[in-house]
Amino acid sequence: MNKAELVSAIAEKAECTKVQAKNALEAFLSITSDTLKKGDKISLIGFGTFAVSQRAARKGRNPRTKEVIKIPAKKVVKFKASADLI
C-alpha cells in the first residue's frame, strides 16, 4: 500500500474527505518524525512502539574491493509490534 492508497483507505474508514485524511496523515507523520528526532518514543496501545536506537560503529567490507571499511555509529528508528497487532 502506498501513501495515496492509505489516504483513500483512511478517508473511507473515517468517513471524511481525502483532503482531510491526507492532512491527518501528514500531521501524524510530522509529529512522529519530530518526536523521534528529540529521542522520545511513541507507544500506540494495540499497534506498537516506535523508538530511536543507537547503532554502534562497526567494521564492514566493501563487496567489490574486499577492503575493510569503518561504518560509523548512527541512530536508527526501530518499531516493535504489539502482540495485538499480529
N, C-alpha and C. Protein backbone atom coordinates (compact mmCIF):
# COMPACT_ATOMS: atom_id res chain seq x y z
N MET A 1 0.85 -1.17 0.00
CA MET A 1 0.00 0.00 0.00
C MET A 1 0.90 1.23 0.00
N ASN A 2 0.64 2.15 -0.90
CA ASN A 2 1.40 3.40 -0.93
C ASN A 2 0.61 4.50 -0.21
N LYS A 3 1.17 5.70 -0.19
CA LYS A 3 0.58 6.79 0.58
C LYS A 3 -0.81 7.16 0.04
N ALA A 4 -0.97 7.22 -1.27
CA ALA A 4 -2.26 7.57 -1.86
C ALA A 4 -3.33 6.54 -1.50
N GLU A 5 -2.97 5.27 -1.54
CA GLU A 5 -3.91 4.21 -1.18
C GLU A 5 -4.26 4.28 0.31
N LEU A 6 -3.28 4.62 1.13
CA LEU A 6 -3.52 4.76 2.57
C LEU A 6 -4.46 5.92 2.84
N VAL A 7 -4.27 7.04 2.16
CA VAL A 7 -5.15 8.20 2.32
C VAL A 7 -6.58 7.83 1.93
N SER A 8 -6.74 7.11 0.83
CA SER A 8 -8.07 6.68 0.40
C SER A 8 -8.72 5.76 1.43
N ALA A 9 -7.95 4.83 1.97
CA ALA A 9 -8.47 3.91 2.97
C ALA A 9 -8.87 4.64 4.25
N ILE A 10 -8.06 5.59 4.67
CA ILE A 10 -8.38 6.38 5.87
C ILE A 10 -9.65 7.18 5.64
N ALA A 11 -9.77 7.82 4.48
CA ALA A 11 -10.96 8.62 4.16
C ALA A 11 -12.22 7.76 4.18
N GLU A 12 -12.12 6.56 3.63
CA GLU A 12 -13.28 5.67 3.61
C GLU A 12 -13.65 5.18 5.01
N LYS A 13 -12.65 4.77 5.77
CA LYS A 13 -12.89 4.22 7.11
C LYS A 13 -13.40 5.29 8.09
N ALA A 14 -12.83 6.51 7.98
CA ALA A 14 -13.20 7.59 8.90
C ALA A 14 -14.38 8.42 8.38
N GLU A 15 -14.86 8.07 7.18
CA GLU A 15 -15.97 8.80 6.57
C GLU A 15 -15.69 10.30 6.50
N CYS A 16 -14.54 10.63 5.92
CA CYS A 16 -14.17 12.03 5.72
C CYS A 16 -13.63 12.17 4.30
N THR A 17 -13.28 13.39 3.92
CA THR A 17 -12.76 13.62 2.57
C THR A 17 -11.31 13.17 2.49
N LYS A 18 -10.85 12.97 1.27
CA LYS A 18 -9.45 12.58 1.07
C LYS A 18 -8.51 13.70 1.50
N VAL A 19 -8.92 14.95 1.36
CA VAL A 19 -8.09 16.09 1.78
C VAL A 19 -7.91 16.06 3.29
N GLN A 20 -8.99 15.81 4.01
CA GLN A 20 -8.92 15.74 5.47
C GLN A 20 -8.06 14.55 5.90
N ALA A 21 -8.23 13.43 5.23
CA ALA A 21 -7.43 12.24 5.55
C ALA A 21 -5.96 12.48 5.28
N LYS A 22 -5.66 13.13 4.16
CA LYS A 22 -4.26 13.43 3.81
C LYS A 22 -3.65 14.37 4.85
N ASN A 23 -4.40 15.39 5.27
CA ASN A 23 -3.91 16.33 6.28
C ASN A 23 -3.66 15.63 7.61
N ALA A 24 -4.54 14.72 7.99
CA ALA A 24 -4.37 13.98 9.25
C ALA A 24 -3.14 13.08 9.16
N LEU A 25 -2.96 12.39 8.04
CA LEU A 25 -1.80 11.51 7.88
C LEU A 25 -0.50 12.31 7.90
N GLU A 26 -0.46 13.43 7.20
CA GLU A 26 0.74 14.26 7.18
C GLU A 26 1.05 14.83 8.55
N ALA A 27 0.02 15.19 9.32
CA ALA A 27 0.23 15.68 10.68
C ALA A 27 0.81 14.57 11.55
N PHE A 28 0.28 13.36 11.43
CA PHE A 28 0.79 12.21 12.20
C PHE A 28 2.26 11.96 11.86
N LEU A 29 2.59 11.94 10.58
CA LEU A 29 3.97 11.69 10.16
C LEU A 29 4.91 12.79 10.65
N SER A 30 4.47 14.03 10.60
CA SER A 30 5.29 15.15 11.05
C SER A 30 5.54 15.08 12.56
N ILE A 31 4.49 14.82 13.32
CA ILE A 31 4.62 14.73 14.78
C ILE A 31 5.50 13.54 15.15
N THR A 32 5.32 12.42 14.48
CA THR A 32 6.14 11.24 14.74
C THR A 32 7.60 11.52 14.47
N SER A 33 7.88 12.15 13.34
CA SER A 33 9.25 12.49 12.98
C SER A 33 9.88 13.43 13.99
N ASP A 34 9.16 14.48 14.38
CA ASP A 34 9.68 15.45 15.35
C ASP A 34 9.94 14.79 16.70
N THR A 35 9.04 13.93 17.13
CA THR A 35 9.19 13.26 18.43
C THR A 35 10.40 12.34 18.43
N LEU A 36 10.58 11.57 17.35
CA LEU A 36 11.72 10.66 17.27
C LEU A 36 13.04 11.42 17.15
N LYS A 37 13.04 12.56 16.47
CA LYS A 37 14.26 13.37 16.37
C LYS A 37 14.70 13.89 17.74
N LYS A 38 13.74 14.10 18.64
CA LYS A 38 14.05 14.54 20.00
C LYS A 38 14.59 13.39 20.85
N GLY A 39 14.44 12.16 20.36
CA GLY A 39 14.90 11.00 21.11
C GLY A 39 13.83 10.35 21.95
N ASP A 40 12.60 10.84 21.87
CA ASP A 40 11.49 10.26 22.61
C ASP A 40 10.93 9.06 21.85
N LYS A 41 10.08 8.29 22.52
CA LYS A 41 9.45 7.16 21.83
C LYS A 41 7.95 7.39 21.76
N ILE A 42 7.31 6.68 20.84
CA ILE A 42 5.87 6.79 20.65
C ILE A 42 5.27 5.40 20.84
N SER A 43 4.38 5.28 21.81
CA SER A 43 3.71 4.00 22.08
C SER A 43 2.25 4.13 21.71
N LEU A 44 1.79 3.27 20.82
CA LEU A 44 0.39 3.23 20.43
C LEU A 44 -0.16 1.89 20.88
N ILE A 45 -0.96 1.90 21.94
CA ILE A 45 -1.50 0.68 22.53
C ILE A 45 -2.27 -0.10 21.46
N GLY A 46 -1.98 -1.38 21.35
CA GLY A 46 -2.65 -2.22 20.38
C GLY A 46 -2.02 -2.19 19.00
N PHE A 47 -1.03 -1.32 18.79
CA PHE A 47 -0.36 -1.22 17.49
C PHE A 47 1.13 -1.52 17.61
N GLY A 48 1.83 -0.70 18.40
CA GLY A 48 3.26 -0.93 18.59
C GLY A 48 3.97 0.32 19.11
N THR A 49 5.29 0.23 19.15
CA THR A 49 6.12 1.31 19.68
C THR A 49 7.22 1.66 18.70
N PHE A 50 7.34 2.96 18.44
CA PHE A 50 8.44 3.50 17.64
C PHE A 50 9.46 4.07 18.61
N ALA A 51 10.74 3.75 18.44
CA ALA A 51 11.78 4.26 19.33
C ALA A 51 13.06 4.46 18.53
N VAL A 52 13.92 5.34 19.05
CA VAL A 52 15.23 5.58 18.44
C VAL A 52 16.26 4.74 19.18
N SER A 53 17.12 4.09 18.42
CA SER A 53 18.15 3.24 18.99
C SER A 53 19.50 3.66 18.41
N GLN A 54 20.54 3.51 19.20
CA GLN A 54 21.89 3.84 18.76
C GLN A 54 22.55 2.58 18.20
N ARG A 55 22.98 2.65 16.96
CA ARG A 55 23.71 1.53 16.35
C ARG A 55 25.20 1.81 16.50
N ALA A 56 25.94 0.89 17.05
CA ALA A 56 27.37 1.07 17.32
C ALA A 56 28.17 1.09 16.02
N ALA A 57 29.34 1.73 16.08
CA ALA A 57 30.26 1.71 14.94
C ALA A 57 30.76 0.29 14.76
N ARG A 58 31.03 -0.07 13.53
CA ARG A 58 31.49 -1.42 13.28
C ARG A 58 32.34 -1.46 12.01
N LYS A 59 32.98 -2.59 11.79
CA LYS A 59 33.77 -2.77 10.59
C LYS A 59 32.92 -3.51 9.56
N GLY A 60 33.05 -3.10 8.33
CA GLY A 60 32.34 -3.76 7.24
C GLY A 60 33.32 -4.07 6.13
N ARG A 61 32.81 -4.62 5.06
CA ARG A 61 33.68 -4.97 3.94
C ARG A 61 33.02 -4.50 2.65
N ASN A 62 33.82 -3.81 1.82
CA ASN A 62 33.34 -3.40 0.51
C ASN A 62 33.28 -4.66 -0.35
N PRO A 63 32.09 -5.03 -0.83
CA PRO A 63 31.98 -6.29 -1.56
C PRO A 63 32.73 -6.29 -2.90
N ARG A 64 32.93 -5.12 -3.46
CA ARG A 64 33.62 -5.06 -4.74
C ARG A 64 35.13 -5.22 -4.59
N THR A 65 35.71 -4.48 -3.62
CA THR A 65 37.17 -4.49 -3.46
C THR A 65 37.65 -5.37 -2.33
N LYS A 66 36.73 -5.87 -1.52
CA LYS A 66 37.04 -6.68 -0.33
C LYS A 66 37.81 -5.90 0.73
N GLU A 67 37.86 -4.59 0.57
CA GLU A 67 38.57 -3.73 1.52
C GLU A 67 37.74 -3.56 2.79
N VAL A 68 38.39 -3.59 3.96
CA VAL A 68 37.71 -3.39 5.23
C VAL A 68 37.48 -1.89 5.40
N ILE A 69 36.24 -1.54 5.75
CA ILE A 69 35.89 -0.13 5.95
C ILE A 69 35.25 0.04 7.32
N LYS A 70 35.31 1.27 7.83
CA LYS A 70 34.67 1.59 9.10
C LYS A 70 33.28 2.14 8.81
N ILE A 71 32.29 1.58 9.47
CA ILE A 71 30.93 2.07 9.36
C ILE A 71 30.66 2.85 10.64
N PRO A 72 30.37 4.14 10.53
CA PRO A 72 30.21 4.97 11.73
C PRO A 72 28.94 4.63 12.52
N ALA A 73 28.94 5.01 13.78
CA ALA A 73 27.77 4.84 14.63
C ALA A 73 26.66 5.76 14.13
N LYS A 74 25.43 5.35 14.31
CA LYS A 74 24.32 6.22 13.91
C LYS A 74 23.05 5.82 14.66
N LYS A 75 22.08 6.72 14.62
CA LYS A 75 20.79 6.47 15.24
C LYS A 75 19.85 5.89 14.19
N VAL A 76 19.05 4.91 14.61
CA VAL A 76 18.07 4.29 13.72
C VAL A 76 16.73 4.20 14.43
N VAL A 77 15.67 4.19 13.65
CA VAL A 77 14.32 4.05 14.19
C VAL A 77 13.96 2.57 14.20
N LYS A 78 13.44 2.10 15.33
CA LYS A 78 13.01 0.72 15.45
C LYS A 78 11.53 0.70 15.78
N PHE A 79 10.85 -0.30 15.25
CA PHE A 79 9.43 -0.49 15.53
C PHE A 79 9.23 -1.86 16.13
N LYS A 80 8.55 -1.90 17.27
CA LYS A 80 8.23 -3.18 17.91
C LYS A 80 6.72 -3.31 17.88
N ALA A 81 6.23 -4.30 17.17
CA ALA A 81 4.80 -4.52 17.04
C ALA A 81 4.19 -5.02 18.33
N SER A 82 2.97 -4.61 18.59
CA SER A 82 2.22 -5.08 19.75
C SER A 82 1.78 -6.52 19.49
N ALA A 83 1.61 -7.27 20.53
CA ALA A 83 1.12 -8.64 20.39
C ALA A 83 -0.29 -8.65 19.78
N ASP A 84 -1.06 -7.60 20.00
CA ASP A 84 -2.41 -7.50 19.45
C ASP A 84 -2.40 -7.26 17.95
N LEU A 85 -1.34 -6.70 17.43
CA LEU A 85 -1.26 -6.37 16.00
C LEU A 85 -1.14 -7.61 15.14
N ILE A 86 -0.38 -8.56 15.61
CA ILE A 86 -0.09 -9.75 14.81
C ILE A 86 -1.09 -10.80 15.03
